[in-house]
Amino acid sequence: MKKILPILASTMALTTFSTISNAAVLDDESGIYVGGNYGYVKIDGQDDFDDDNDVMQGLIGFKLNRYIGIEGSYIDFGSYGGNVASAETDGYTAALKLTAPIGDRVELYAKGGQLWYTTDYDILGVSGDEDDEAVFAGAGVGFKVTDNFLVNAEYTWYDVDLNANDINNGADTNTDLKQATIGAEYRF
């Protein structure tokens, strides 16, 4: 199932992008945007990695029209865990973002995609690192301060598996990262 979800998400994104490109639906709200988010992440797992922490994210995206966009980001989940097990995770994302404008100044949005991440961990004095990928989904609300500047609030869930080979004989440790952030976005 873990391998099927990224394939389905990628197929849906490519199909949507192909359909939009063929329909030539770029409009006056299409264009590049940049932004950043800061907030709280809750690490919820089956192990000693449970913790909460600050999270920071920088992003860049392209709005195809007022309803559909694609977005990439760098995200730093920071350090988490306790004395027995601790870790530090960061990574990159790619997402499809769907927006529903509510009037002139408010928009609701949902996004989903792929996270490629690296986790450096230390379990009982044994250190290691793990590169992996995970799916994620999120939703939020944006408020237009001006036509180009927005502030937003967002909730995102990441389905992360940590494979601590040296400790658990290769057993996956299922860890969900649940993130709530506030941020800003500038549209060019």
N, C-alpha and C. Protein backbone atom coordinates (compact mmCIF):
# COMPACT_ATOMS: atom_id res chain seq x y z
N MET A 1 0.82 -1.19 0.00
CA MET A 1 0.00 0.00 0.00
C MET A 1 0.87 1.26 0.00
N LYS A 2 2.00 1.20 0.70
CA LYS A 2 2.88 2.36 0.78
C LYS A 2 3.40 2.75 -0.60
N LYS A 3 3.65 1.78 -1.47
CA LYS A 3 4.16 2.07 -2.81
C LYS A 3 3.04 2.49 -3.76
N ILE A 4 1.82 2.07 -3.51
CA ILE A 4 0.70 2.38 -4.39
C ILE A 4 0.28 3.84 -4.26
N LEU A 5 0.26 4.38 -3.03
CA LEU A 5 -0.19 5.76 -2.82
C LEU A 5 0.64 6.78 -3.59
N PRO A 6 1.99 6.73 -3.56
CA PRO A 6 2.74 7.70 -4.37
C PRO A 6 2.49 7.56 -5.87
N ILE A 7 2.31 6.33 -6.33
CA ILE A 7 2.05 6.11 -7.75
C ILE A 7 0.70 6.72 -8.12
N LEU A 8 -0.34 6.50 -7.29
CA LEU A 8 -1.65 7.08 -7.56
C LEU A 8 -1.61 8.60 -7.51
N ALA A 9 -0.92 9.16 -6.52
CA ALA A 9 -0.82 10.61 -6.40
C ALA A 9 -0.11 11.20 -7.61
N SER A 10 0.98 10.57 -8.03
CA SER A 10 1.72 11.06 -9.20
C SER A 10 0.88 10.97 -10.47
N THR A 11 0.17 9.88 -10.63
CA THR A 11 -0.68 9.70 -11.81
C THR A 11 -1.77 10.76 -11.86
N MET A 12 -2.41 11.01 -10.71
CA MET A 12 -3.46 12.03 -10.65
C MET A 12 -2.89 13.41 -10.97
N ALA A 13 -1.72 13.73 -10.43
CA ALA A 13 -1.10 15.03 -10.68
C ALA A 13 -0.76 15.19 -12.16
N LEU A 14 -0.16 14.16 -12.77
CA LEU A 14 0.20 14.24 -14.18
C LEU A 14 -1.03 14.34 -15.07
N THR A 15 -2.08 13.59 -14.74
CA THR A 15 -3.32 13.64 -15.52
C THR A 15 -3.94 15.02 -15.43
N THR A 16 -4.00 15.57 -14.22
CA THR A 16 -4.57 16.91 -14.03
C THR A 16 -3.76 17.94 -14.79
N PHE A 17 -2.44 17.89 -14.66
CA PHE A 17 -1.57 18.87 -15.35
C PHE A 17 -1.72 18.74 -16.86
N SER A 18 -1.78 17.51 -17.37
CA SER A 18 -1.92 17.30 -18.80
C SER A 18 -3.25 17.85 -19.30
N THR A 19 -4.32 17.60 -18.57
CA THR A 19 -5.64 18.10 -18.96
C THR A 19 -5.67 19.62 -18.96
N ILE A 20 -5.10 20.22 -17.93
CA ILE A 20 -5.07 21.68 -17.82
C ILE A 20 -4.24 22.28 -18.94
N SER A 21 -3.09 21.68 -19.23
CA SER A 21 -2.21 22.20 -20.28
C SER A 21 -2.91 22.15 -21.64
N ASN A 22 -3.61 21.06 -21.90
CA ASN A 22 -4.30 20.91 -23.19
C ASN A 22 -5.48 21.85 -23.30
N ALA A 23 -6.12 22.18 -22.18
CA ALA A 23 -7.28 23.06 -22.21
C ALA A 23 -6.88 24.53 -22.24
N ALA A 24 -5.60 24.83 -22.07
CA ALA A 24 -5.09 26.20 -22.08
C ALA A 24 -5.90 27.10 -21.15
N VAL A 25 -5.97 26.71 -19.88
CA VAL A 25 -6.79 27.44 -18.92
C VAL A 25 -5.99 28.43 -18.08
N LEU A 26 -4.81 28.81 -18.51
CA LEU A 26 -4.07 29.83 -17.79
C LEU A 26 -4.86 31.13 -17.87
N ASP A 27 -4.99 31.81 -16.73
CA ASP A 27 -5.77 33.05 -16.71
C ASP A 27 -4.97 34.17 -16.06
N ASP A 28 -5.64 35.29 -15.78
CA ASP A 28 -4.95 36.45 -15.24
C ASP A 28 -4.45 36.24 -13.81
N GLU A 29 -4.87 35.18 -13.13
CA GLU A 29 -4.36 34.89 -11.80
C GLU A 29 -3.24 33.84 -11.81
N SER A 30 -2.81 33.43 -12.98
CA SER A 30 -1.70 32.47 -13.05
C SER A 30 -0.39 33.19 -12.78
N GLY A 31 0.58 32.44 -12.26
CA GLY A 31 1.89 33.02 -12.02
C GLY A 31 2.61 32.39 -10.86
N ILE A 32 3.82 32.86 -10.64
CA ILE A 32 4.70 32.32 -9.59
C ILE A 32 4.39 32.98 -8.26
N TYR A 33 4.55 32.21 -7.18
CA TYR A 33 4.46 32.76 -5.83
C TYR A 33 5.53 32.13 -4.95
N VAL A 34 5.91 32.85 -3.90
CA VAL A 34 6.85 32.36 -2.90
C VAL A 34 6.24 32.60 -1.53
N GLY A 35 6.70 31.83 -0.55
CA GLY A 35 6.14 32.02 0.78
C GLY A 35 6.92 31.27 1.83
N GLY A 36 6.43 31.36 3.04
CA GLY A 36 7.03 30.67 4.16
C GLY A 36 5.99 30.40 5.24
N ASN A 37 6.19 29.33 5.98
CA ASN A 37 5.30 28.95 7.08
C ASN A 37 6.13 28.67 8.32
N TYR A 38 5.55 28.99 9.45
CA TYR A 38 6.16 28.69 10.75
C TYR A 38 5.07 28.15 11.65
N GLY A 39 5.39 27.13 12.43
CA GLY A 39 4.36 26.61 13.32
C GLY A 39 4.83 25.48 14.21
N TYR A 40 3.92 24.57 14.42
CA TYR A 40 4.03 23.50 15.40
C TYR A 40 3.89 22.16 14.69
N VAL A 41 4.74 21.21 15.04
CA VAL A 41 4.59 19.86 14.51
C VAL A 41 4.51 18.89 15.68
N LYS A 42 3.55 17.98 15.61
CA LYS A 42 3.37 16.92 16.60
C LYS A 42 3.86 15.63 15.97
N ILE A 43 4.87 15.02 16.57
CA ILE A 43 5.40 13.76 16.08
C ILE A 43 4.69 12.67 16.87
N ASP A 44 3.92 11.84 16.18
CA ASP A 44 3.07 10.85 16.82
C ASP A 44 3.44 9.48 16.27
N GLY A 45 4.14 8.67 17.08
CA GLY A 45 4.61 7.37 16.60
C GLY A 45 4.38 6.26 17.58
N GLN A 46 4.90 5.10 17.22
CA GLN A 46 4.77 3.89 18.03
C GLN A 46 6.02 3.68 18.86
N ASP A 47 6.71 4.74 19.21
CA ASP A 47 8.03 4.59 19.79
C ASP A 47 8.39 5.78 20.66
N ASP A 48 9.65 5.90 21.00
CA ASP A 48 10.13 6.98 21.85
C ASP A 48 10.36 8.28 21.09
N PHE A 49 10.01 8.35 19.80
CA PHE A 49 10.17 9.57 19.04
C PHE A 49 9.02 10.55 19.27
N ASP A 50 7.96 10.16 19.98
CA ASP A 50 6.84 11.06 20.23
C ASP A 50 7.33 12.36 20.84
N ASP A 51 6.91 13.49 20.27
CA ASP A 51 7.35 14.79 20.76
C ASP A 51 6.59 15.85 20.00
N ASP A 52 6.84 17.11 20.32
CA ASP A 52 6.36 18.23 19.52
C ASP A 52 7.50 19.22 19.36
N ASN A 53 7.37 20.05 18.33
CA ASN A 53 8.51 20.89 17.98
C ASN A 53 8.05 22.03 17.08
N ASP A 54 8.92 23.02 16.90
CA ASP A 54 8.70 24.07 15.90
C ASP A 54 9.01 23.50 14.52
N VAL A 55 8.31 24.02 13.52
CA VAL A 55 8.55 23.61 12.14
C VAL A 55 8.66 24.86 11.28
N MET A 56 9.57 24.85 10.31
CA MET A 56 9.74 25.97 9.37
C MET A 56 9.72 25.44 7.95
N GLN A 57 9.10 26.21 7.06
CA GLN A 57 8.95 25.76 5.69
C GLN A 57 9.05 26.95 4.74
N GLY A 58 9.85 26.80 3.68
CA GLY A 58 9.92 27.77 2.59
C GLY A 58 9.33 27.13 1.36
N LEU A 59 8.56 27.89 0.57
CA LEU A 59 7.91 27.28 -0.59
C LEU A 59 7.93 28.19 -1.80
N ILE A 60 7.77 27.54 -2.96
CA ILE A 60 7.62 28.23 -4.23
C ILE A 60 6.57 27.46 -5.02
N GLY A 61 5.74 28.20 -5.73
CA GLY A 61 4.68 27.55 -6.48
C GLY A 61 4.34 28.28 -7.75
N PHE A 62 3.48 27.65 -8.54
CA PHE A 62 2.98 28.26 -9.76
C PHE A 62 1.49 28.01 -9.84
N LYS A 63 0.71 29.10 -9.88
CA LYS A 63 -0.74 28.99 -10.05
C LYS A 63 -1.04 28.89 -11.54
N LEU A 64 -1.68 27.80 -11.95
CA LEU A 64 -2.08 27.64 -13.34
C LEU A 64 -3.28 28.53 -13.65
N ASN A 65 -4.15 28.67 -12.68
CA ASN A 65 -5.30 29.57 -12.73
C ASN A 65 -5.74 29.81 -11.28
N ARG A 66 -6.90 30.40 -11.06
CA ARG A 66 -7.27 30.71 -9.68
C ARG A 66 -7.65 29.46 -8.88
N TYR A 67 -7.76 28.29 -9.51
CA TYR A 67 -8.21 27.07 -8.83
C TYR A 67 -7.12 26.02 -8.65
N ILE A 68 -6.13 25.97 -9.52
CA ILE A 68 -5.17 24.87 -9.51
C ILE A 68 -3.74 25.42 -9.56
N GLY A 69 -2.88 24.83 -8.74
CA GLY A 69 -1.47 25.19 -8.75
C GLY A 69 -0.59 24.01 -8.41
N ILE A 70 0.70 24.18 -8.64
CA ILE A 70 1.69 23.17 -8.23
C ILE A 70 2.66 23.88 -7.29
N GLU A 71 3.18 23.14 -6.32
CA GLU A 71 3.98 23.76 -5.27
C GLU A 71 5.10 22.84 -4.83
N GLY A 72 6.25 23.43 -4.55
CA GLY A 72 7.38 22.71 -3.99
C GLY A 72 7.87 23.44 -2.75
N SER A 73 8.48 22.70 -1.82
CA SER A 73 8.95 23.36 -0.59
C SER A 73 10.12 22.62 0.02
N TYR A 74 10.83 23.35 0.88
CA TYR A 74 11.81 22.76 1.78
C TYR A 74 11.23 22.90 3.17
N ILE A 75 11.30 21.83 3.96
CA ILE A 75 10.70 21.86 5.29
C ILE A 75 11.68 21.29 6.32
N ASP A 76 11.78 21.97 7.46
CA ASP A 76 12.65 21.56 8.55
C ASP A 76 11.77 21.24 9.76
N PHE A 77 11.66 19.95 10.09
CA PHE A 77 10.85 19.52 11.23
C PHE A 77 11.60 19.64 12.54
N GLY A 78 12.88 19.98 12.50
CA GLY A 78 13.67 20.19 13.71
C GLY A 78 14.06 18.90 14.40
N SER A 79 14.50 19.03 15.66
CA SER A 79 14.91 17.89 16.49
C SER A 79 13.77 17.49 17.41
N TYR A 80 13.60 16.19 17.61
CA TYR A 80 12.53 15.71 18.47
C TYR A 80 12.95 14.40 19.12
N GLY A 81 12.20 13.99 20.11
CA GLY A 81 12.47 12.75 20.84
C GLY A 81 12.90 13.05 22.26
N GLY A 82 13.45 12.03 22.91
CA GLY A 82 13.87 12.17 24.29
C GLY A 82 15.26 11.63 24.51
N ASN A 83 15.53 11.17 25.72
CA ASN A 83 16.86 10.66 26.07
C ASN A 83 17.15 9.31 25.43
N VAL A 84 16.13 8.48 25.27
CA VAL A 84 16.33 7.13 24.72
C VAL A 84 16.46 7.18 23.20
N ALA A 85 15.60 7.95 22.57
CA ALA A 85 15.60 8.03 21.11
C ALA A 85 15.36 9.48 20.69
N SER A 86 16.21 9.98 19.81
CA SER A 86 16.02 11.33 19.29
C SER A 86 16.29 11.32 17.79
N ALA A 87 15.73 12.31 17.10
CA ALA A 87 15.89 12.38 15.65
C ALA A 87 15.76 13.82 15.18
N GLU A 88 16.22 14.04 13.96
CA GLU A 88 16.10 15.33 13.29
C GLU A 88 15.74 15.05 11.84
N THR A 89 14.67 15.69 11.35
CA THR A 89 14.16 15.41 10.02
C THR A 89 14.00 16.69 9.22
N ASP A 90 14.39 16.64 7.93
CA ASP A 90 14.09 17.70 6.99
C ASP A 90 13.88 17.09 5.61
N GLY A 91 13.29 17.86 4.69
CA GLY A 91 13.04 17.30 3.38
C GLY A 91 12.44 18.29 2.41
N TYR A 92 12.06 17.76 1.24
CA TYR A 92 11.49 18.53 0.15
C TYR A 92 10.14 17.94 -0.21
N THR A 93 9.23 18.81 -0.67
CA THR A 93 7.91 18.35 -1.06
C THR A 93 7.57 18.80 -2.48
N ALA A 94 6.65 18.08 -3.10
CA ALA A 94 6.03 18.47 -4.37
C ALA A 94 4.54 18.18 -4.21
N ALA A 95 3.70 19.16 -4.59
CA ALA A 95 2.27 19.00 -4.33
C ALA A 95 1.42 19.60 -5.43
N LEU A 96 0.20 19.10 -5.52
CA LEU A 96 -0.86 19.69 -6.31
C LEU A 96 -1.73 20.46 -5.33
N LYS A 97 -2.02 21.73 -5.62
CA LYS A 97 -2.79 22.58 -4.72
C LYS A 97 -4.08 23.01 -5.41
N LEU A 98 -5.22 22.70 -4.78
CA LEU A 98 -6.53 23.07 -5.31
C LEU A 98 -7.11 24.18 -4.43
N THR A 99 -7.57 25.27 -5.05
CA THR A 99 -8.05 26.44 -4.31
C THR A 99 -9.51 26.72 -4.65
N ALA A 100 -10.28 27.07 -3.62
CA ALA A 100 -11.68 27.47 -3.78
C ALA A 100 -11.83 28.90 -3.26
N PRO A 101 -11.87 29.90 -4.16
CA PRO A 101 -12.03 31.28 -3.70
C PRO A 101 -13.40 31.49 -3.05
N ILE A 102 -13.41 32.20 -1.93
CA ILE A 102 -14.65 32.57 -1.24
C ILE A 102 -14.68 34.10 -1.24
N GLY A 103 -15.35 34.67 -2.18
CA GLY A 103 -15.35 36.13 -2.32
C GLY A 103 -14.03 36.62 -2.89
N ASP A 104 -13.75 37.92 -2.68
CA ASP A 104 -12.55 38.53 -3.24
C ASP A 104 -11.31 38.35 -2.37
N ARG A 105 -11.46 38.14 -1.07
CA ARG A 105 -10.32 38.18 -0.16
C ARG A 105 -10.01 36.88 0.57
N VAL A 106 -10.86 35.88 0.49
CA VAL A 106 -10.65 34.63 1.23
C VAL A 106 -10.63 33.46 0.26
N GLU A 107 -9.73 32.50 0.52
CA GLU A 107 -9.69 31.29 -0.28
C GLU A 107 -9.38 30.08 0.60
N LEU A 108 -10.11 29.02 0.38
CA LEU A 108 -9.84 27.73 1.02
C LEU A 108 -9.01 26.90 0.06
N TYR A 109 -8.11 26.08 0.61
CA TYR A 109 -7.31 25.25 -0.29
C TYR A 109 -7.02 23.89 0.35
N ALA A 110 -6.73 22.95 -0.53
CA ALA A 110 -6.30 21.61 -0.13
C ALA A 110 -5.12 21.26 -1.02
N LYS A 111 -4.18 20.52 -0.44
CA LYS A 111 -3.04 20.10 -1.25
C LYS A 111 -2.59 18.71 -0.79
N GLY A 112 -1.95 18.03 -1.71
CA GLY A 112 -1.43 16.70 -1.41
C GLY A 112 -0.29 16.40 -2.35
N GLY A 113 0.61 15.53 -1.89
CA GLY A 113 1.74 15.21 -2.74
C GLY A 113 2.73 14.30 -2.06
N GLN A 114 3.98 14.51 -2.39
CA GLN A 114 5.08 13.64 -1.98
C GLN A 114 6.10 14.42 -1.15
N LEU A 115 6.60 13.78 -0.09
CA LEU A 115 7.69 14.31 0.74
C LEU A 115 8.88 13.39 0.57
N TRP A 116 10.05 13.97 0.26
CA TRP A 116 11.32 13.24 0.26
C TRP A 116 12.10 13.77 1.44
N TYR A 117 12.46 12.90 2.38
CA TYR A 117 13.03 13.39 3.64
C TYR A 117 14.25 12.59 4.07
N THR A 118 15.04 13.22 4.94
CA THR A 118 16.19 12.60 5.58
C THR A 118 16.02 12.72 7.09
N THR A 119 16.20 11.62 7.79
CA THR A 119 16.13 11.62 9.25
C THR A 119 17.45 11.12 9.80
N ASP A 120 18.07 11.93 10.65
CA ASP A 120 19.24 11.52 11.41
C ASP A 120 18.74 11.13 12.79
N TYR A 121 19.05 9.91 13.24
CA TYR A 121 18.52 9.44 14.51
C TYR A 121 19.61 8.89 15.41
N ASP A 122 19.30 8.86 16.70
CA ASP A 122 20.16 8.29 17.73
C ASP A 122 19.27 7.51 18.67
N ILE A 123 19.46 6.20 18.71
CA ILE A 123 18.66 5.33 19.58
C ILE A 123 19.62 4.59 20.50
N LEU A 124 19.53 4.89 21.78
CA LEU A 124 20.39 4.28 22.80
C LEU A 124 21.87 4.38 22.43
N GLY A 125 22.29 5.53 21.91
CA GLY A 125 23.69 5.76 21.58
C GLY A 125 24.12 5.26 20.22
N VAL A 126 23.23 4.60 19.49
CA VAL A 126 23.54 4.13 18.14
C VAL A 126 22.95 5.12 17.15
N SER A 127 23.80 5.72 16.33
CA SER A 127 23.35 6.75 15.39
C SER A 127 23.21 6.18 13.99
N GLY A 128 22.37 6.81 13.22
CA GLY A 128 22.18 6.44 11.83
C GLY A 128 21.39 7.50 11.11
N ASP A 129 21.21 7.29 9.83
CA ASP A 129 20.36 8.20 9.07
C ASP A 129 19.56 7.40 8.07
N GLU A 130 18.44 7.96 7.66
CA GLU A 130 17.52 7.27 6.77
C GLU A 130 16.97 8.26 5.76
N ASP A 131 17.05 7.94 4.48
CA ASP A 131 16.42 8.72 3.42
C ASP A 131 15.20 7.93 2.96
N ASP A 132 14.07 8.61 2.85
CA ASP A 132 12.85 7.91 2.46
C ASP A 132 11.89 8.91 1.84
N GLU A 133 10.71 8.45 1.52
CA GLU A 133 9.67 9.30 0.96
C GLU A 133 8.34 8.94 1.60
N ALA A 134 7.42 9.89 1.59
CA ALA A 134 6.12 9.70 2.20
C ALA A 134 5.09 10.56 1.47
N VAL A 135 3.83 10.19 1.60
CA VAL A 135 2.76 11.01 1.06
C VAL A 135 2.30 11.99 2.14
N PHE A 136 1.68 13.07 1.70
CA PHE A 136 1.12 14.02 2.66
C PHE A 136 -0.13 14.67 2.08
N ALA A 137 -0.95 15.22 2.97
CA ALA A 137 -2.15 15.95 2.59
C ALA A 137 -2.34 17.10 3.57
N GLY A 138 -2.91 18.18 3.09
CA GLY A 138 -3.12 19.33 3.95
C GLY A 138 -4.28 20.18 3.46
N ALA A 139 -4.72 21.08 4.33
CA ALA A 139 -5.79 22.02 4.01
C ALA A 139 -5.54 23.31 4.75
N GLY A 140 -6.06 24.41 4.20
CA GLY A 140 -5.85 25.69 4.85
C GLY A 140 -6.79 26.75 4.35
N VAL A 141 -6.60 27.94 4.90
CA VAL A 141 -7.36 29.11 4.50
C VAL A 141 -6.39 30.27 4.34
N GLY A 142 -6.56 31.03 3.25
CA GLY A 142 -5.71 32.18 2.98
C GLY A 142 -6.54 33.46 2.96
N PHE A 143 -5.94 34.54 3.45
CA PHE A 143 -6.61 35.84 3.48
C PHE A 143 -5.75 36.84 2.70
N LYS A 144 -6.32 37.44 1.66
CA LYS A 144 -5.59 38.41 0.84
C LYS A 144 -5.52 39.74 1.56
N VAL A 145 -4.32 40.15 1.94
CA VAL A 145 -4.10 41.47 2.51
C VAL A 145 -4.09 42.50 1.38
N THR A 146 -3.40 42.16 0.29
CA THR A 146 -3.46 42.92 -0.96
C THR A 146 -3.67 41.90 -2.07
N ASP A 147 -3.70 42.33 -3.30
CA ASP A 147 -3.86 41.37 -4.40
C ASP A 147 -2.67 40.44 -4.53
N ASN A 148 -1.50 40.86 -4.04
CA ASN A 148 -0.28 40.05 -4.17
C ASN A 148 0.17 39.40 -2.87
N PHE A 149 -0.27 39.90 -1.72
CA PHE A 149 0.23 39.41 -0.42
C PHE A 149 -0.90 38.73 0.35
N LEU A 150 -0.63 37.49 0.79
CA LEU A 150 -1.61 36.71 1.55
C LEU A 150 -1.01 36.23 2.86
N VAL A 151 -1.86 36.03 3.86
CA VAL A 151 -1.48 35.33 5.08
C VAL A 151 -2.37 34.08 5.13
N ASN A 152 -1.85 33.01 5.75
CA ASN A 152 -2.61 31.77 5.75
C ASN A 152 -2.45 31.00 7.05
N ALA A 153 -3.35 30.07 7.26
CA ALA A 153 -3.27 29.10 8.34
C ALA A 153 -3.50 27.73 7.69
N GLU A 154 -2.68 26.75 8.09
CA GLU A 154 -2.70 25.46 7.39
C GLU A 154 -2.47 24.30 8.36
N TYR A 155 -3.09 23.16 8.04
CA TYR A 155 -2.86 21.91 8.77
C TYR A 155 -2.42 20.86 7.76
N THR A 156 -1.32 20.15 8.04
CA THR A 156 -0.80 19.14 7.11
C THR A 156 -0.43 17.88 7.87
N TRP A 157 -0.71 16.74 7.27
CA TRP A 157 -0.39 15.42 7.83
C TRP A 157 0.59 14.72 6.89
N TYR A 158 1.68 14.18 7.46
CA TYR A 158 2.71 13.45 6.71
C TYR A 158 2.76 12.02 7.23
N ASP A 159 2.73 11.03 6.35
CA ASP A 159 2.79 9.61 6.71
C ASP A 159 4.22 9.12 6.56
N VAL A 160 4.99 9.17 7.64
CA VAL A 160 6.42 8.89 7.62
C VAL A 160 6.69 7.53 8.26
N ASP A 161 7.61 6.75 7.66
CA ASP A 161 8.09 5.51 8.27
C ASP A 161 9.59 5.66 8.50
N LEU A 162 10.03 5.41 9.71
CA LEU A 162 11.45 5.42 10.02
C LEU A 162 11.92 3.97 10.10
N ASN A 163 12.89 3.61 9.27
CA ASN A 163 13.42 2.26 9.25
C ASN A 163 14.76 2.27 9.99
N ALA A 164 14.70 2.06 11.29
CA ALA A 164 15.91 2.10 12.13
C ALA A 164 16.62 0.75 12.04
N ASN A 165 17.36 0.53 10.97
CA ASN A 165 17.98 -0.76 10.67
C ASN A 165 18.87 -1.28 11.79
N ASP A 166 19.68 -0.42 12.37
CA ASP A 166 20.65 -0.88 13.35
C ASP A 166 20.02 -1.32 14.68
N ILE A 167 18.84 -0.85 14.96
CA ILE A 167 18.23 -1.12 16.27
C ILE A 167 17.15 -2.18 16.19
N ASN A 168 16.22 -2.01 15.24
CA ASN A 168 15.03 -2.86 15.20
C ASN A 168 15.09 -3.95 14.14
N ASN A 169 16.26 -4.32 13.70
CA ASN A 169 16.43 -5.34 12.67
C ASN A 169 15.60 -5.04 11.42
N GLY A 170 15.59 -3.78 11.05
CA GLY A 170 14.90 -3.39 9.82
C GLY A 170 13.42 -3.16 9.97
N ALA A 171 12.86 -3.21 11.15
CA ALA A 171 11.43 -3.03 11.33
C ALA A 171 11.07 -1.55 11.14
N ASP A 172 10.00 -1.30 10.39
CA ASP A 172 9.53 0.07 10.19
C ASP A 172 8.89 0.60 11.47
N THR A 173 9.12 1.87 11.73
CA THR A 173 8.49 2.56 12.84
C THR A 173 7.57 3.60 12.24
N ASN A 174 6.27 3.36 12.27
CA ASN A 174 5.31 4.26 11.66
C ASN A 174 5.17 5.52 12.51
N THR A 175 5.47 6.67 11.95
CA THR A 175 5.43 7.93 12.66
C THR A 175 4.69 8.95 11.81
N ASP A 176 3.59 9.49 12.33
CA ASP A 176 2.88 10.55 11.64
C ASP A 176 3.37 11.89 12.14
N LEU A 177 3.61 12.81 11.21
CA LEU A 177 3.97 14.17 11.55
C LEU A 177 2.74 15.03 11.25
N LYS A 178 2.20 15.67 12.27
CA LYS A 178 1.00 16.49 12.12
C LYS A 178 1.39 17.93 12.38
N GLN A 179 1.22 18.78 11.37
CA GLN A 179 1.76 20.13 11.38
C GLN A 179 0.65 21.18 11.29
N ALA A 180 0.70 22.18 12.15
CA ALA A 180 -0.19 23.34 12.09
C ALA A 180 0.69 24.58 11.97
N THR A 181 0.46 25.39 10.93
CA THR A 181 1.33 26.55 10.69
C THR A 181 0.53 27.80 10.33
N ILE A 182 1.19 28.93 10.48
CA ILE A 182 0.72 30.18 9.91
C ILE A 182 1.81 30.63 8.96
N GLY A 183 1.43 31.39 7.95
CA GLY A 183 2.44 31.77 6.98
C GLY A 183 2.03 32.96 6.14
N ALA A 184 2.90 33.27 5.21
CA ALA A 184 2.68 34.38 4.29
C ALA A 184 3.07 33.94 2.88
N GLU A 185 2.45 34.56 1.90
CA GLU A 185 2.70 34.21 0.50
C GLU A 185 2.69 35.49 -0.33
N TYR A 186 3.64 35.60 -1.24
CA TYR A 186 3.67 36.74 -2.15
C TYR A 186 3.53 36.22 -3.58
N ARG A 187 2.55 36.77 -4.30
CA ARG A 187 2.30 36.39 -5.69
C ARG A 187 2.83 37.46 -6.63
N PHE A 188 3.61 37.03 -7.61
CA PHE A 188 4.18 37.97 -8.58
C PHE A 188 3.23 38.22 -9.72
